[in-house]
């Protein structure tokens, strides 16, 4: 099953508790396979940290990228659009 959760994320959108609940719900709904597109690398680092903090040592696959890097031709491993891919646990 593929779950799409498309939204704009900024620091002012929700308080920390609401944002943590959002990531836990997304993790549960996606079966731990999460794909996140951010505006820029700073946002991507912040979101990565937020997801790691919120989800702790749960099993998950998180793929992250950002539009600013993609627009200037930066790619992830194997010329993939996903700048970072983290596989933790049973996946």
C-alpha atoms as a PDB file:
ATOM      1  CA  UNK A   1       0.000   0.000   0.000  1.00  0.00           C
ATOM      2  CA  UNK A   2       1.256   3.480  -0.834  1.00  0.00           C
ATOM      3  CA  UNK A   3       0.270   6.422   1.375  1.00  0.00           C
ATOM      4  CA  UNK A   4       0.697   9.983   0.114  1.00  0.00           C
ATOM      5  CA  UNK A   5       0.798  12.751   2.688  1.00  0.00           C
ATOM      6  CA  UNK A   6       1.522  15.953   0.845  1.00  0.00           C
ATOM      7  CA  UNK A   7       1.854  19.069   2.947  1.00  0.00           C
ATOM      8  CA  UNK A   8       4.005  22.090   3.474  1.00  0.00           C
ATOM      9  CA  UNK A   9       5.950  21.858   6.723  1.00  0.00           C
ATOM     10  CA  UNK A  10       7.328  24.887   8.504  1.00  0.00           C
ATOM     11  CA  UNK A  11       8.415  25.471  12.068  1.00  0.00           C
ATOM     12  CA  UNK A  12       5.424  27.690  12.761  1.00  0.00           C
ATOM     13  CA  UNK A  13       2.772  25.223  11.577  1.00  0.00           C
ATOM     14  CA  UNK A  14       2.292  23.234  14.776  1.00  0.00           C
ATOM     15  CA  UNK A  15       3.753  22.934  18.220  1.00  0.00           C
ATOM     16  CA  UNK A  16       6.286  20.177  18.882  1.00  0.00           C
ATOM     17  CA  UNK A  17       3.740  17.773  20.368  1.00  0.00           C
ATOM     18  CA  UNK A  18       1.477  18.094  17.318  1.00  0.00           C
ATOM     19  CA  UNK A  19       4.396  17.591  14.942  1.00  0.00           C
ATOM     20  CA  UNK A  20       5.549  14.479  16.805  1.00  0.00           C
ATOM     21  CA  UNK A  21       2.022  13.067  16.664  1.00  0.00           C
ATOM     22  CA  UNK A  22       1.978  13.767  12.906  1.00  0.00           C
ATOM     23  CA  UNK A  23       5.201  11.763  12.341  1.00  0.00           C
ATOM     24  CA  UNK A  24       3.998   8.880  14.530  1.00  0.00           C
ATOM     25  CA  UNK A  25       0.698   8.761  12.620  1.00  0.00           C
ATOM     26  CA  UNK A  26       2.474   8.932   9.260  1.00  0.00           C
ATOM     27  CA  UNK A  27       4.854   6.153  10.326  1.00  0.00           C
ATOM     28  CA  UNK A  28       1.951   3.943  11.355  1.00  0.00           C
ATOM     29  CA  UNK A  29      -0.126   4.679   8.239  1.00  0.00           C
ATOM     30  CA  UNK A  30       2.806   4.132   5.853  1.00  0.00           C
ATOM     31  CA  UNK A  31       4.019   0.958   7.497  1.00  0.00           C
ATOM     32  CA  UNK A  32       7.280   2.723   8.297  1.00  0.00           C
ATOM     33  CA  UNK A  33       8.131   3.669   4.685  1.00  0.00           C
ATOM     34  CA  UNK A  34       8.316   7.443   4.519  1.00  0.00           C
ATOM     35  CA  UNK A  35       9.285   9.694   1.602  1.00  0.00           C
ATOM     36  CA  UNK A  36       9.801  13.366   2.448  1.00  0.00           C
ATOM     37  CA  UNK A  37      10.450  16.274   0.072  1.00  0.00           C
ATOM     38  CA  UNK A  38      11.655  19.532   1.634  1.00  0.00           C
ATOM     39  CA  UNK A  39      12.245  23.048   0.297  1.00  0.00           C
ATOM     40  CA  UNK A  40      15.994  23.154   1.019  1.00  0.00           C
ATOM     41  CA  UNK A  41      18.827  21.289   2.755  1.00  0.00           C
ATOM     42  CA  UNK A  42      18.369  23.150   6.046  1.00  0.00           C
ATOM     43  CA  UNK A  43      14.733  22.125   6.201  1.00  0.00           C
ATOM     44  CA  UNK A  44      15.713  18.568   5.271  1.00  0.00           C
ATOM     45  CA  UNK A  45      18.225  18.372   8.144  1.00  0.00           C
ATOM     46  CA  UNK A  46      15.639  19.705  10.599  1.00  0.00           C
ATOM     47  CA  UNK A  47      12.958  17.281   9.438  1.00  0.00           C
ATOM     48  CA  UNK A  48      15.419  14.351   9.566  1.00  0.00           C
ATOM     49  CA  UNK A  49      16.288  15.241  13.157  1.00  0.00           C
ATOM     50  CA  UNK A  50      12.629  15.651  14.077  1.00  0.00           C
ATOM     51  CA  UNK A  51      11.703  12.258  12.591  1.00  0.00           C
ATOM     52  CA  UNK A  52      14.648  10.503  14.274  1.00  0.00           C
ATOM     53  CA  UNK A  53      13.855  12.085  17.634  1.00  0.00           C
ATOM     54  CA  UNK A  54      10.141  11.390  17.415  1.00  0.00           C
ATOM     55  CA  UNK A  55      10.299   7.811  16.149  1.00  0.00           C
ATOM     56  CA  UNK A  56      13.292   6.700  18.202  1.00  0.00           C
ATOM     57  CA  UNK A  57      14.411   3.184  17.348  1.00  0.00           C
ATOM     58  CA  UNK A  58      11.273   2.099  15.466  1.00  0.00           C
ATOM     59  CA  UNK A  59      11.835   0.153  12.246  1.00  0.00           C
ATOM     60  CA  UNK A  60      11.529   2.457   9.247  1.00  0.00           C
ATOM     61  CA  UNK A  61      12.768   3.454   5.836  1.00  0.00           C
ATOM     62  CA  UNK A  62      13.014   7.220   5.408  1.00  0.00           C
ATOM     63  CA  UNK A  63      13.941   8.766   2.063  1.00  0.00           C
ATOM     64  CA  UNK A  64      14.563  12.512   2.014  1.00  0.00           C
ATOM     65  CA  UNK A  65      15.287  15.057  -0.664  1.00  0.00           C
ATOM     66  CA  UNK A  66      15.015  18.797  -1.164  1.00  0.00           C
ATOM     67  CA  UNK A  67      13.954  20.904  -4.110  1.00  0.00           C
ATOM     68  CA  UNK A  68      16.834  23.394  -3.910  1.00  0.00           C
ATOM     69  CA  UNK A  69      19.455  20.672  -4.409  1.00  0.00           C
ATOM     70  CA  UNK A  70      17.467  18.947  -7.144  1.00  0.00           C
ATOM     71  CA  UNK A  71      17.127  22.217  -9.068  1.00  0.00           C
ATOM     72  CA  UNK A  72      20.910  22.626  -9.233  1.00  0.00           C
ATOM     73  CA  UNK A  73      21.435  19.023 -10.304  1.00  0.00           C
ATOM     74  CA  UNK A  74      22.470  17.409  -7.011  1.00  0.00           C
ATOM     75  CA  UNK A  75      21.323  13.824  -6.651  1.00  0.00           C
ATOM     76  CA  UNK A  76      21.654  10.992  -4.199  1.00  0.00           C
ATOM     77  CA  UNK A  77      23.489   7.713  -4.622  1.00  0.00           C
ATOM     78  CA  UNK A  78      23.123   6.218  -8.090  1.00  0.00           C
ATOM     79  CA  UNK A  79      21.773   9.531  -9.465  1.00  0.00           C
ATOM     80  CA  UNK A  80      18.586   9.009  -7.447  1.00  0.00           C
ATOM     81  CA  UNK A  81      16.332  11.970  -6.584  1.00  0.00           C
ATOM     82  CA  UNK A  82      16.403  10.887  -2.941  1.00  0.00           C
ATOM     83  CA  UNK A  83      19.380  12.702  -1.394  1.00  0.00           C
ATOM     84  CA  UNK A  84      19.323  10.503   1.729  1.00  0.00           C
ATOM     85  CA  UNK A  85      17.863   7.095   2.432  1.00  0.00           C
ATOM     86  CA  UNK A  86      17.894   5.597   5.907  1.00  0.00           C
ATOM     87  CA  UNK A  87      16.940   1.995   6.526  1.00  0.00           C
ATOM     88  CA  UNK A  88      16.571   1.116  10.172  1.00  0.00           C
ATOM     89  CA  UNK A  89      15.183  -2.146  11.450  1.00  0.00           C
ATOM     90  CA  UNK A  90      13.491  -5.010   9.640  1.00  0.00           C
ATOM     91  CA  UNK A  91      13.049  -3.412   6.189  1.00  0.00           C
END
